[in-house]
Amino acid sequence: MAQYYSGFLLAVPTANKQAYIDMAHKAWAVFKDFGCLGMYENWGVDVPDGKVTSFPMAVQKKEDETVVFSWMVWPDRETADKGFEAMMKDPRMKDLPQMPFDGMRMKWGGFEEILAVRAD
């Protein structure tokens, strides 16, 4: 069966890079307990502004922010759905630091794998 992905696009104040990394490390400890197979956090280094649409436009990036593109890998959608539900009830989530970004501008979605290839 194909894997399932939870994808995220957000703008993080550039000054909060380390706070974001620290938050992600702490969150991973919770996510993996609920079946997440992997988590990938990617700090934008070549994310151009667009004329019609772009990653920066999608998240309403401000001058002092950096675009972050991340995803979580799950064995299937059912595990992801149950995992997110369980996480919201898990007391460890309250122990996570405050999000070092504006969550209202974060974009997210769930994706089913349709092709996976690698050059090994």
PDB file of N, CA and C in Angstrom:
ATOM      1  N   MET A   1       0.840  -1.177   0.000  1.00  0.00           N
ATOM      2  CA  MET A   1       0.000   0.000   0.000  1.00  0.00           C
ATOM      3  C   MET A   1       0.887   1.244   0.000  1.00  0.00           C
ATOM      4  N   ALA A   2       0.469   2.271  -0.741  1.00  0.00           N
ATOM      5  CA  ALA A   2       1.221   3.516  -0.832  1.00  0.00           C
ATOM      6  C   ALA A   2       1.166   4.279   0.489  1.00  0.00           C
ATOM      7  N   GLN A   3       2.196   5.050   0.725  1.00  0.00           N
ATOM      8  CA  GLN A   3       2.241   5.858   1.940  1.00  0.00           C
ATOM      9  C   GLN A   3       1.361   7.089   1.792  1.00  0.00           C
ATOM     10  N   TYR A   4       1.170   7.779   2.903  1.00  0.00           N
ATOM     11  CA  TYR A   4       0.355   8.981   2.965  1.00  0.00           C
ATOM     12  C   TYR A   4       1.218  10.098   3.530  1.00  0.00           C
ATOM     13  N   TYR A   5       1.022  11.310   3.027  1.00  0.00           N
ATOM     14  CA  TYR A   5       1.857  12.444   3.418  1.00  0.00           C
ATOM     15  C   TYR A   5       1.000  13.593   3.912  1.00  0.00           C
ATOM     16  N   SER A   6       1.408  14.207   4.999  1.00  0.00           N
ATOM     17  CA  SER A   6       0.821  15.449   5.475  1.00  0.00           C
ATOM     18  C   SER A   6       1.821  16.535   5.113  1.00  0.00           C
ATOM     19  N   GLY A   7       1.401  17.480   4.276  1.00  0.00           N
ATOM     20  CA  GLY A   7       2.300  18.528   3.810  1.00  0.00           C
ATOM     21  C   GLY A   7       1.958  19.875   4.401  1.00  0.00           C
ATOM     22  N   PHE A   8       2.985  20.697   4.596  1.00  0.00           N
ATOM     23  CA  PHE A   8       2.826  21.998   5.238  1.00  0.00           C
ATOM     24  C   PHE A   8       3.684  23.051   4.528  1.00  0.00           C
ATOM     25  N   LEU A   9       3.138  24.240   4.414  1.00  0.00           N
ATOM     26  CA  LEU A   9       3.855  25.380   3.851  1.00  0.00           C
ATOM     27  C   LEU A   9       3.595  26.548   4.792  1.00  0.00           C
ATOM     28  N   LEU A  10       4.653  27.196   5.259  1.00  0.00           N
ATOM     29  CA  LEU A  10       4.486  28.276   6.217  1.00  0.00           C
ATOM     30  C   LEU A  10       5.614  29.277   6.110  1.00  0.00           C
ATOM     31  N   ALA A  11       5.412  30.433   6.719  1.00  0.00           N
ATOM     32  CA  ALA A  11       6.441  31.471   6.786  1.00  0.00           C
ATOM     33  C   ALA A  11       6.864  31.615   8.244  1.00  0.00           C
ATOM     34  N   VAL A  12       8.155  31.515   8.473  1.00  0.00           N
ATOM     35  CA  VAL A  12       8.704  31.617   9.829  1.00  0.00           C
ATOM     36  C   VAL A  12       9.594  32.858   9.894  1.00  0.00           C
ATOM     37  N   PRO A  13       9.429  33.689  10.916  1.00  0.00           N
ATOM     38  CA  PRO A  13      10.374  34.798  11.058  1.00  0.00           C
ATOM     39  C   PRO A  13      11.808  34.252  11.044  1.00  0.00           C
ATOM     40  N   THR A  14      12.621  34.814  10.194  1.00  0.00           N
ATOM     41  CA  THR A  14      13.991  34.316  10.024  1.00  0.00           C
ATOM     42  C   THR A  14      14.732  34.258  11.355  1.00  0.00           C
ATOM     43  N   ALA A  15      14.481  35.205  12.224  1.00  0.00           N
ATOM     44  CA  ALA A  15      15.129  35.230  13.541  1.00  0.00           C
ATOM     45  C   ALA A  15      14.692  34.055  14.416  1.00  0.00           C
ATOM     46  N   ASN A  16      13.598  33.399  14.071  1.00  0.00           N
ATOM     47  CA  ASN A  16      13.078  32.280  14.864  1.00  0.00           C
ATOM     48  C   ASN A  16      13.494  30.911  14.320  1.00  0.00           C
ATOM     49  N   LYS A  17      14.493  30.867  13.463  1.00  0.00           N
ATOM     50  CA  LYS A  17      14.891  29.589  12.852  1.00  0.00           C
ATOM     51  C   LYS A  17      15.217  28.543  13.921  1.00  0.00           C
ATOM     52  N   GLN A  18      16.056  28.871  14.877  1.00  0.00           N
ATOM     53  CA  GLN A  18      16.434  27.875  15.885  1.00  0.00           C
ATOM     54  C   GLN A  18      15.238  27.490  16.747  1.00  0.00           C
ATOM     55  N   ALA A  19      14.377  28.442  17.084  1.00  0.00           N
ATOM     56  CA  ALA A  19      13.173  28.125  17.860  1.00  0.00           C
ATOM     57  C   ALA A  19      12.278  27.161  17.082  1.00  0.00           C
ATOM     58  N   TYR A  20      12.197  27.342  15.763  1.00  0.00           N
ATOM     59  CA  TYR A  20      11.403  26.439  14.931  1.00  0.00           C
ATOM     60  C   TYR A  20      12.016  25.034  14.931  1.00  0.00           C
ATOM     61  N   ILE A  21      13.319  24.956  14.785  1.00  0.00           N
ATOM     62  CA  ILE A  21      14.015  23.661  14.798  1.00  0.00           C
ATOM     63  C   ILE A  21      13.796  22.967  16.139  1.00  0.00           C
ATOM     64  N   ASP A  22      13.926  23.708  17.228  1.00  0.00           N
ATOM     65  CA  ASP A  22      13.729  23.136  18.563  1.00  0.00           C
ATOM     66  C   ASP A  22      12.302  22.612  18.727  1.00  0.00           C
ATOM     67  N   MET A  23      11.319  23.392  18.264  1.00  0.00           N
ATOM     68  CA  MET A  23       9.916  22.969  18.350  1.00  0.00           C
ATOM     69  C   MET A  23       9.696  21.693  17.538  1.00  0.00           C
ATOM     70  N   ALA A  24      10.280  21.640  16.344  1.00  0.00           N
ATOM     71  CA  ALA A  24      10.112  20.470  15.477  1.00  0.00           C
ATOM     72  C   ALA A  24      10.700  19.216  16.129  1.00  0.00           C
ATOM     73  N   HIS A  25      11.869  19.344  16.737  1.00  0.00           N
ATOM     74  CA  HIS A  25      12.466  18.190  17.429  1.00  0.00           C
ATOM     75  C   HIS A  25      11.563  17.672  18.541  1.00  0.00           C
ATOM     76  N   LYS A  26      11.009  18.575  19.320  1.00  0.00           N
ATOM     77  CA  LYS A  26      10.128  18.171  20.425  1.00  0.00           C
ATOM     78  C   LYS A  26       8.831  17.565  19.898  1.00  0.00           C
ATOM     79  N   ALA A  27       8.308  18.121  18.820  1.00  0.00           N
ATOM     80  CA  ALA A  27       7.069  17.595  18.236  1.00  0.00           C
ATOM     81  C   ALA A  27       7.286  16.191  17.678  1.00  0.00           C
ATOM     82  N   TRP A  28       8.450  15.936  17.106  1.00  0.00           N
ATOM     83  CA  TRP A  28       8.734  14.622  16.533  1.00  0.00           C
ATOM     84  C   TRP A  28       8.592  13.520  17.581  1.00  0.00           C
ATOM     85  N   ALA A  29       9.000  13.793  18.796  1.00  0.00           N
ATOM     86  CA  ALA A  29       8.888  12.797  19.868  1.00  0.00           C
ATOM     87  C   ALA A  29       7.444  12.358  20.054  1.00  0.00           C
ATOM     88  N   VAL A  30       6.500  13.260  19.826  1.00  0.00           N
ATOM     89  CA  VAL A  30       5.081  12.930  19.948  1.00  0.00           C
ATOM     90  C   VAL A  30       4.588  12.254  18.673  1.00  0.00           C
ATOM     91  N   PHE A  31       4.910  12.844  17.520  1.00  0.00           N
ATOM     92  CA  PHE A  31       4.406  12.332  16.240  1.00  0.00           C
ATOM     93  C   PHE A  31       4.771  10.868  16.015  1.00  0.00           C
ATOM     94  N   LYS A  32       6.022  10.516  16.313  1.00  0.00           N
ATOM     95  CA  LYS A  32       6.446   9.135  16.050  1.00  0.00           C
ATOM     96  C   LYS A  32       5.703   8.137  16.936  1.00  0.00           C
ATOM     97  N   ASP A  33       5.284   8.559  18.135  1.00  0.00           N
ATOM     98  CA  ASP A  33       4.518   7.664  19.005  1.00  0.00           C
ATOM     99  C   ASP A  33       3.137   7.341  18.449  1.00  0.00           C
ATOM    100  N   PHE A  34       2.659   8.157  17.513  1.00  0.00           N
ATOM    101  CA  PHE A  34       1.333   7.934  16.938  1.00  0.00           C
ATOM    102  C   PHE A  34       1.394   7.420  15.508  1.00  0.00           C
ATOM    103  N   GLY A  35       2.542   6.861  15.126  1.00  0.00           N
ATOM    104  CA  GLY A  35       2.644   6.165  13.853  1.00  0.00           C
ATOM    105  C   GLY A  35       3.306   6.903  12.724  1.00  0.00           C
ATOM    106  N   CYS A  36       3.750   8.135  12.946  1.00  0.00           N
ATOM    107  CA  CYS A  36       4.441   8.866  11.894  1.00  0.00           C
ATOM    108  C   CYS A  36       5.772   8.177  11.605  1.00  0.00           C
ATOM    109  N   LEU A  37       6.059   7.951  10.328  1.00  0.00           N
ATOM    110  CA  LEU A  37       7.281   7.257   9.927  1.00  0.00           C
ATOM    111  C   LEU A  37       8.465   8.193   9.723  1.00  0.00           C
ATOM    112  N   GLY A  38       8.187   9.436   9.417  1.00  0.00           N
ATOM    113  CA  GLY A  38       9.267  10.390   9.166  1.00  0.00           C
ATOM    114  C   GLY A  38       8.732  11.802   9.102  1.00  0.00           C
ATOM    115  N   MET A  39       9.603  12.757   9.400  1.00  0.00           N
ATOM    116  CA  MET A  39       9.234  14.165   9.367  1.00  0.00           C
ATOM    117  C   MET A  39      10.385  14.921   8.716  1.00  0.00           C
ATOM    118  N   TYR A  40      10.059  15.793   7.772  1.00  0.00           N
ATOM    119  CA  TYR A  40      11.063  16.523   7.015  1.00  0.00           C
ATOM    120  C   TYR A  40      10.748  18.010   7.089  1.00  0.00           C
ATOM    121  N   GLU A  41      11.669  18.782   7.624  1.00  0.00           N
ATOM    122  CA  GLU A  41      11.516  20.231   7.750  1.00  0.00           C
ATOM    123  C   GLU A  41      12.562  20.870   6.846  1.00  0.00           C
ATOM    124  N   ASN A  42      12.137  21.757   5.964  1.00  0.00           N
ATOM    125  CA  ASN A  42      13.030  22.323   4.959  1.00  0.00           C
ATOM    126  C   ASN A  42      12.960  23.841   4.957  1.00  0.00           C
ATOM    127  N   TRP A  43      14.094  24.479   5.222  1.00  0.00           N
ATOM    128  CA  TRP A  43      14.217  25.927   5.316  1.00  0.00           C
ATOM    129  C   TRP A  43      14.495  26.484   3.924  1.00  0.00           C
ATOM    130  N   GLY A  44      13.666  27.412   3.476  1.00  0.00           N
ATOM    131  CA  GLY A  44      13.802  27.956   2.131  1.00  0.00           C
ATOM    132  C   GLY A  44      15.096  28.724   1.914  1.00  0.00           C
ATOM    133  N   VAL A  45      15.802  28.384   0.834  1.00  0.00           N
ATOM    134  CA  VAL A  45      17.017  29.102   0.466  1.00  0.00           C
ATOM    135  C   VAL A  45      16.941  29.634  -0.965  1.00  0.00           C
ATOM    136  N   ASP A  46      16.032  29.098  -1.762  1.00  0.00           N
ATOM    137  CA  ASP A  46      15.837  29.554  -3.137  1.00  0.00           C
ATOM    138  C   ASP A  46      14.343  29.481  -3.441  1.00  0.00           C
ATOM    139  N   VAL A  47      13.602  30.440  -2.890  1.00  0.00           N
ATOM    140  CA  VAL A  47      12.139  30.447  -3.000  1.00  0.00           C
ATOM    141  C   VAL A  47      11.734  31.815  -3.551  1.00  0.00           C
ATOM    142  N   PRO A  48      11.736  31.943  -4.874  1.00  0.00           N
ATOM    143  CA  PRO A  48      11.493  33.260  -5.470  1.00  0.00           C
ATOM    144  C   PRO A  48      10.050  33.736  -5.340  1.00  0.00           C
ATOM    145  N   ASP A  49       9.927  35.058  -5.311  1.00  0.00           N
ATOM    146  CA  ASP A  49       8.604  35.669  -5.364  1.00  0.00           C
ATOM    147  C   ASP A  49       8.041  35.448  -6.763  1.00  0.00           C
ATOM    148  N   GLY A  50       6.731  35.363  -6.848  1.00  0.00           N
ATOM    149  CA  GLY A  50       6.095  35.182  -8.140  1.00  0.00           C
ATOM    150  C   GLY A  50       5.347  36.420  -8.570  1.00  0.00           C
ATOM    151  N   LYS A  51       4.891  36.396  -9.818  1.00  0.00           N
ATOM    152  CA  LYS A  51       4.075  37.490 -10.328  1.00  0.00           C
ATOM    153  C   LYS A  51       2.595  37.173 -10.186  1.00  0.00           C
ATOM    154  N   VAL A  52       2.233  35.894 -10.323  1.00  0.00           N
ATOM    155  CA  VAL A  52       0.836  35.474 -10.222  1.00  0.00           C
ATOM    156  C   VAL A  52       0.620  34.639  -8.968  1.00  0.00           C
ATOM    157  N   THR A  53       1.543  33.702  -8.736  1.00  0.00           N
ATOM    158  CA  THR A  53       1.468  32.864  -7.545  1.00  0.00           C
ATOM    159  C   THR A  53       2.870  32.346  -7.217  1.00  0.00           C
ATOM    160  N   SER A  54       3.075  31.995  -5.964  1.00  0.00           N
ATOM    161  CA  SER A  54       4.370  31.481  -5.521  1.00  0.00           C
ATOM    162  C   SER A  54       4.226  31.000  -4.086  1.00  0.00           C
ATOM    163  N   PHE A  55       5.220  30.290  -3.603  1.00  0.00           N
ATOM    164  CA  PHE A  55       5.217  29.899  -2.197  1.00  0.00           C
ATOM    165  C   PHE A  55       5.155  31.130  -1.287  1.00  0.00           C
ATOM    166  N   PRO A  56       6.011  32.152  -1.512  1.00  0.00           N
ATOM    167  CA  PRO A  56       5.936  33.328  -0.639  1.00  0.00           C
ATOM    168  C   PRO A  56       4.556  33.995  -0.659  1.00  0.00           C
ATOM    169  N   MET A  57       3.938  34.070  -1.820  1.00  0.00           N
ATOM    170  CA  MET A  57       2.613  34.686  -1.905  1.00  0.00           C
ATOM    171  C   MET A  57       1.572  33.839  -1.187  1.00  0.00           C
ATOM    172  N   ALA A  58       1.689  32.519  -1.290  1.00  0.00           N
ATOM    173  CA  ALA A  58       0.706  31.623  -0.679  1.00  0.00           C
ATOM    174  C   ALA A  58       0.650  31.794   0.836  1.00  0.00           C
ATOM    175  N   VAL A  59       1.801  32.044   1.446  1.00  0.00           N
ATOM    176  CA  VAL A  59       1.845  32.180   2.917  1.00  0.00           C
ATOM    177  C   VAL A  59       1.934  33.638   3.369  1.00  0.00           C
ATOM    178  N   GLN A  60       1.774  34.562   2.421  1.00  0.00           N
ATOM    179  CA  GLN A  60       1.839  35.996   2.724  1.00  0.00           C
ATOM    180  C   GLN A  60       3.131  36.345   3.468  1.00  0.00           C
ATOM    181  N   LYS A  61       4.245  35.826   2.925  1.00  0.00           N
ATOM    182  CA  LYS A  61       5.557  36.018   3.531  1.00  0.00           C
ATOM    183  C   LYS A  61       5.889  37.499   3.668  1.00  0.00           C
ATOM    184  N   LYS A  62       6.394  37.850   4.836  1.00  0.00           N
ATOM    185  CA  LYS A  62       6.855  39.213   5.103  1.00  0.00           C
ATOM    186  C   LYS A  62       8.361  39.291   4.843  1.00  0.00           C
ATOM    187  N   GLU A  63       8.875  40.497   4.772  1.00  0.00           N
ATOM    188  CA  GLU A  63      10.283  40.721   4.437  1.00  0.00           C
ATOM    189  C   GLU A  63      11.239  39.986   5.382  1.00  0.00           C
ATOM    190  N   ASP A  64      10.902  39.893   6.648  1.00  0.00           N
ATOM    191  CA  ASP A  64      11.796  39.284   7.645  1.00  0.00           C
ATOM    192  C   ASP A  64      11.478  37.808   7.894  1.00  0.00           C
ATOM    193  N   GLU A  65      10.819  37.146   6.952  1.00  0.00           N
ATOM    194  CA  GLU A  65      10.429  35.741   7.119  1.00  0.00           C
ATOM    195  C   GLU A  65      11.057  34.859   6.046  1.00  0.00           C
ATOM    196  N   THR A  66      11.088  33.576   6.338  1.00  0.00           N
ATOM    197  CA  THR A  66      11.586  32.563   5.414  1.00  0.00           C
ATOM    198  C   THR A  66      10.502  31.514   5.219  1.00  0.00           C
ATOM    199  N   VAL A  67      10.346  31.039   3.992  1.00  0.00           N
ATOM    200  CA  VAL A  67       9.366  29.992   3.701  1.00  0.00           C
ATOM    201  C   VAL A  67       9.908  28.648   4.164  1.00  0.00           C
ATOM    202  N   VAL A  68       9.054  27.872   4.826  1.00  0.00           N
ATOM    203  CA  VAL A  68       9.384  26.513   5.257  1.00  0.00           C
ATOM    204  C   VAL A  68       8.419  25.558   4.570  1.00  0.00           C
ATOM    205  N   PHE A  69       8.975  24.500   4.017  1.00  0.00           N
ATOM    206  CA  PHE A  69       8.216  23.457   3.328  1.00  0.00           C
ATOM    207  C   PHE A  69       8.488  22.166   4.079  1.00  0.00           C
ATOM    208  N   SER A  70       7.448  21.543   4.598  1.00  0.00           N
ATOM    209  CA  SER A  70       7.671  20.339   5.397  1.00  0.00           C
ATOM    210  C   SER A  70       6.618  19.289   5.101  1.00  0.00           C
ATOM    211  N   TRP A  71       6.963  18.050   5.457  1.00  0.00           N
ATOM    212  CA  TRP A  71       5.994  16.974   5.311  1.00  0.00           C
ATOM    213  C   TRP A  71       6.267  15.875   6.313  1.00  0.00           C
ATOM    214  N   MET A  72       5.196  15.158   6.591  1.00  0.00           N
ATOM    215  CA  MET A  72       5.266  14.001   7.479  1.00  0.00           C
ATOM    216  C   MET A  72       4.859  12.784   6.670  1.00  0.00           C
ATOM    217  N   VAL A  73       5.527  11.676   6.903  1.00  0.00           N
ATOM    218  CA  VAL A  73       5.232  10.431   6.187  1.00  0.00           C
ATOM    219  C   VAL A  73       4.504   9.485   7.129  1.00  0.00           C
ATOM    220  N   TRP A  74       3.402   8.950   6.634  1.00  0.00           N
ATOM    221  CA  TRP A  74       2.577   8.015   7.407  1.00  0.00           C
ATOM    222  C   TRP A  74       2.404   6.727   6.604  1.00  0.00           C
ATOM    223  N   PRO A  75       2.140   5.616   7.269  1.00  0.00           N
ATOM    224  CA  PRO A  75       1.913   4.379   6.519  1.00  0.00           C
ATOM    225  C   PRO A  75       0.645   4.456   5.671  1.00  0.00           C
ATOM    226  N   ASP A  76      -0.360   5.221   6.135  1.00  0.00           N
ATOM    227  CA  ASP A  76      -1.630   5.345   5.417  1.00  0.00           C
ATOM    228  C   ASP A  76      -2.424   6.500   6.024  1.00  0.00           C
ATOM    229  N   ARG A  77      -3.511   6.860   5.355  1.00  0.00           N
ATOM    230  CA  ARG A  77      -4.320   7.985   5.831  1.00  0.00           C
ATOM    231  C   ARG A  77      -4.980   7.683   7.175  1.00  0.00           C
ATOM    232  N   GLU A  78      -5.431   6.465   7.350  1.00  0.00           N
ATOM    233  CA  GLU A  78      -6.094   6.104   8.602  1.00  0.00           C
ATOM    234  C   GLU A  78      -5.171   6.349   9.791  1.00  0.00           C
ATOM    235  N   THR A  79      -3.916   5.939   9.665  1.00  0.00           N
ATOM    236  CA  THR A  79      -2.950   6.157  10.746  1.00  0.00           C
ATOM    237  C   THR A  79      -2.728   7.649  10.978  1.00  0.00           C
ATOM    238  N   ALA A  80      -2.632   8.421   9.893  1.00  0.00           N
ATOM    239  CA  ALA A  80      -2.446   9.866  10.027  1.00  0.00           C
ATOM    240  C   ALA A  80      -3.644  10.499  10.728  1.00  0.00           C
ATOM    241  N   ASP A  81      -4.841  10.170  10.293  1.00  0.00           N
ATOM    242  CA  ASP A  81      -6.044  10.751  10.899  1.00  0.00           C
ATOM    243  C   ASP A  81      -6.138  10.414  12.383  1.00  0.00           C
ATOM    244  N   LYS A  82      -5.908   9.153  12.709  1.00  0.00           N
ATOM    245  CA  LYS A  82      -5.951   8.734  14.120  1.00  0.00           C
ATOM    246  C   LYS A  82      -4.815   9.385  14.907  1.00  0.00           C
ATOM    247  N   GLY A  83      -3.651   9.500  14.283  1.00  0.00           N
ATOM    248  CA  GLY A  83      -2.504  10.113  14.945  1.00  0.00           C
ATOM    249  C   GLY A  83      -2.754  11.571  15.285  1.00  0.00           C
ATOM    250  N   PHE A  84      -3.280  12.348  14.326  1.00  0.00           N
ATOM    251  CA  PHE A  84      -3.559  13.759  14.593  1.00  0.00           C
ATOM    252  C   PHE A  84      -4.626  13.914  15.663  1.00  0.00           C
ATOM    253  N   GLU A  85      -5.626  13.072  15.626  1.00  0.00           N
ATOM    254  CA  GLU A  85      -6.678  13.125  16.651  1.00  0.00           C
ATOM    255  C   GLU A  85      -6.095  12.836  18.036  1.00  0.00           C
ATOM    256  N   ALA A  86      -5.271  11.806  18.121  1.00  0.00           N
ATOM    257  CA  ALA A  86      -4.662  11.436  19.398  1.00  0.00           C
ATOM    258  C   ALA A  86      -3.695  12.514  19.896  1.00  0.00           C
ATOM    259  N   MET A  87      -2.967  13.134  18.966  1.00  0.00           N
ATOM    260  CA  MET A  87      -2.019  14.177  19.353  1.00  0.00           C
ATOM    261  C   MET A  87      -2.715  15.352  20.024  1.00  0.00           C
ATOM    262  N   MET A  88      -3.889  15.705  19.523  1.00  0.00           N
ATOM    263  CA  MET A  88      -4.606  16.850  20.089  1.00  0.00           C
ATOM    264  C   MET A  88      -5.023  16.598  21.540  1.00  0.00           C
ATOM    265  N   LYS A  89      -5.108  15.336  21.934  1.00  0.00           N
ATOM    266  CA  LYS A  89      -5.484  14.977  23.300  1.00  0.00           C
ATOM    267  C   LYS A  89      -4.269  14.658  24.170  1.00  0.00           C
ATOM    268  N   ASP A  90      -3.117  14.549  23.564  1.00  0.00           N
ATOM    269  CA  ASP A  90      -1.916  14.149  24.293  1.00  0.00           C
ATOM    270  C   ASP A  90      -1.387  15.321  25.127  1.00  0.00           C
ATOM    271  N   PRO A  91      -1.187  15.114  26.430  1.00  0.00           N
ATOM    272  CA  PRO A  91      -0.709  16.210  27.289  1.00  0.00           C
ATOM    273  C   PRO A  91       0.675  16.741  26.896  1.00  0.00           C
ATOM    274  N   ARG A  92       1.481  15.943  26.194  1.00  0.00           N
ATOM    275  CA  ARG A  92       2.811  16.408  25.775  1.00  0.00           C
ATOM    276  C   ARG A  92       2.718  17.565  24.786  1.00  0.00           C
ATOM    277  N   MET A  93       1.604  17.652  24.063  1.00  0.00           N
ATOM    278  CA  MET A  93       1.445  18.743  23.108  1.00  0.00           C
ATOM    279  C   MET A  93       1.389  20.095  23.824  1.00  0.00           C
ATOM    280  N   LYS A  94       0.873  20.090  25.042  1.00  0.00           N
ATOM    281  CA  LYS A  94       0.814  21.335  25.823  1.00  0.00           C
ATOM    282  C   LYS A  94       2.207  21.762  26.285  1.00  0.00           C
ATOM    283  N   ASP A  95       3.138  20.808  26.337  1.00  0.00           N
ATOM    284  CA  ASP A  95       4.496  21.103  26.772  1.00  0.00           C
ATOM    285  C   ASP A  95       5.370  21.654  25.649  1.00  0.00           C
ATOM    286  N   LEU A  96       4.864  21.598  24.411  1.00  0.00           N
ATOM    287  CA  LEU A  96       5.643  22.117  23.294  1.00  0.00           C
ATOM    288  C   LEU A  96       5.724  23.639  23.394  1.00  0.00           C
ATOM    289  N   PRO A  97       6.825  24.202  22.925  1.00  0.00           N
ATOM    290  CA  PRO A  97       6.918  25.665  22.948  1.00  0.00           C
ATOM    291  C   PRO A  97       5.858  26.277  22.026  1.00  0.00           C
ATOM    292  N   GLN A  98       5.551  27.536  22.275  1.00  0.00           N
ATOM    293  CA  GLN A  98       4.595  28.238  21.420  1.00  0.00           C
ATOM    294  C   GLN A  98       5.133  28.243  19.987  1.00  0.00           C
ATOM    295  N   MET A  99       4.247  28.112  19.010  1.00  0.00           N
ATOM    296  CA  MET A  99       4.669  28.111  17.614  1.00  0.00           C
ATOM    297  C   MET A  99       5.417  29.415  17.307  1.00  0.00           C
ATOM    298  N   PRO A 100       6.636  29.319  16.764  1.00  0.00           N
ATOM    299  CA  PRO A 100       7.406  30.531  16.468  1.00  0.00           C
ATOM    300  C   PRO A 100       7.067  31.107  15.088  1.00  0.00           C
ATOM    301  N   PHE A 101       5.798  31.022  14.695  1.00  0.00           N
ATOM    302  CA  PHE A 101       5.325  31.533  13.409  1.00  0.00           C
ATOM    303  C   PHE A 101       3.829  31.769  13.514  1.00  0.00           C
ATOM    304  N   ASP A 102       3.268  32.435  12.520  1.00  0.00           N
ATOM    305  CA  ASP A 102       1.839  32.727  12.482  1.00  0.00           C
ATOM    306  C   ASP A 102       1.107  31.538  11.863  1.00  0.00           C
ATOM    307  N   GLY A 103       0.501  30.714  12.698  1.00  0.00           N
ATOM    308  CA  GLY A 103      -0.193  29.520  12.238  1.00  0.00           C
ATOM    309  C   GLY A 103      -1.390  29.805  11.346  1.00  0.00           C
ATOM    310  N   MET A 104      -1.922  31.011  11.392  1.00  0.00           N
ATOM    311  CA  MET A 104      -3.067  31.360  10.548  1.00  0.00           C
ATOM    312  C   MET A 104      -2.687  31.435   9.066  1.00  0.00           C
ATOM    313  N   ARG A 105      -1.396  31.610   8.787  1.00  0.00           N
ATOM    314  CA  ARG A 105      -0.947  31.681   7.390  1.00  0.00           C
ATOM    315  C   ARG A 105      -0.371  30.357   6.901  1.00  0.00           C
ATOM    316  N   MET A 106      -0.375  29.340   7.744  1.00  0.00           N
ATOM    317  CA  MET A 106       0.145  28.032   7.363  1.00  0.00           C
ATOM    318  C   MET A 106      -0.853  27.332   6.442  1.00  0.00           C
ATOM    319  N   LYS A 107      -0.341  26.691   5.409  1.00  0.00           N
ATOM    320  CA  LYS A 107      -1.152  25.874   4.499  1.00  0.00           C
ATOM    321  C   LYS A 107      -0.816  24.415   4.776  1.00  0.00           C
ATOM    322  N   TRP A 108      -1.804  23.542   4.701  1.00  0.00           N
ATOM    323  CA  TRP A 108      -1.547  22.120   4.930  1.00  0.00           C
ATOM    324  C   TRP A 108      -2.547  21.292   4.153  1.00  0.00           C
ATOM    325  N   GLY A 109      -2.190  20.033   3.990  1.00  0.00           N
ATOM    326  CA  GLY A 109      -3.075  19.108   3.306  1.00  0.00           C
ATOM    327  C   GLY A 109      -2.535  17.693   3.410  1.00  0.00           C
ATOM    328  N   GLY A 110      -3.379  16.733   3.032  1.00  0.00           N
ATOM    329  CA  GLY A 110      -2.995  15.328   3.029  1.00  0.00           C
ATOM    330  C   GLY A 110      -2.904  14.821   1.610  1.00  0.00           C
ATOM    331  N   PHE A 111      -1.902  13.996   1.345  1.00  0.00           N
ATOM    332  CA  PHE A 111      -1.615  13.555  -0.014  1.00  0.00           C
ATOM    333  C   PHE A 111      -1.356  12.055  -0.065  1.00  0.00           C
ATOM    334  N   GLU A 112      -1.947  11.404  -1.056  1.00  0.00           N
ATOM    335  CA  GLU A 112      -1.678   9.991  -1.294  1.00  0.00           C
ATOM    336  C   GLU A 112      -0.570   9.882  -2.323  1.00  0.00           C
ATOM    337  N   GLU A 113       0.333   8.973  -2.078  1.00  0.00           N
ATOM    338  CA  GLU A 113       1.446   8.762  -2.995  1.00  0.00           C
ATOM    339  C   GLU A 113       0.938   8.155  -4.292  1.00  0.00           C
ATOM    340  N   ILE A 114       1.401   8.713  -5.428  1.00  0.00           N
ATOM    341  CA  ILE A 114       1.047   8.126  -6.723  1.00  0.00           C
ATOM    342  C   ILE A 114       2.288   7.683  -7.508  1.00  0.00           C
ATOM    343  N   LEU A 115       3.451   8.116  -7.080  1.00  0.00           N
ATOM    344  CA  LEU A 115       4.691   7.685  -7.699  1.00  0.00           C
ATOM    345  C   LEU A 115       5.820   7.897  -6.712  1.00  0.00           C
ATOM    346  N   ALA A 116       6.677   6.917  -6.565  1.00  0.00           N
ATOM    347  CA  ALA A 116       7.858   7.032  -5.713  1.00  0.00           C
ATOM    348  C   ALA A 116       9.024   6.376  -6.448  1.00  0.00           C
ATOM    349  N   VAL A 117      10.013   7.169  -6.840  1.00  0.00           N
ATOM    350  CA  VAL A 117      11.189   6.660  -7.526  1.00  0.00           C
ATOM    351  C   VAL A 117      12.426   7.285  -6.895  1.00  0.00           C
ATOM    352  N   ARG A 118      13.519   6.571  -6.944  1.00  0.00           N
ATOM    353  CA  ARG A 118      14.784   7.067  -6.396  1.00  0.00           C
ATOM    354  C   ARG A 118      15.925   6.580  -7.267  1.00  0.00           C
ATOM    355  N   ALA A 119      16.956   7.367  -7.323  1.00  0.00           N
ATOM    356  CA  ALA A 119      18.207   6.951  -7.966  1.00  0.00           C
ATOM    357  C   ALA A 119      19.123   6.510  -6.838  1.00  0.00           C
ATOM    358  N   ASP A 120      19.235   5.231  -6.643  1.00  0.00           N
ATOM    359  CA  ASP A 120      20.075   4.707  -5.543  1.00  0.00           C
ATOM    360  C   ASP A 120      21.455   4.359  -6.009  1.00  0.00           C
TER     361      ASP A 120
END
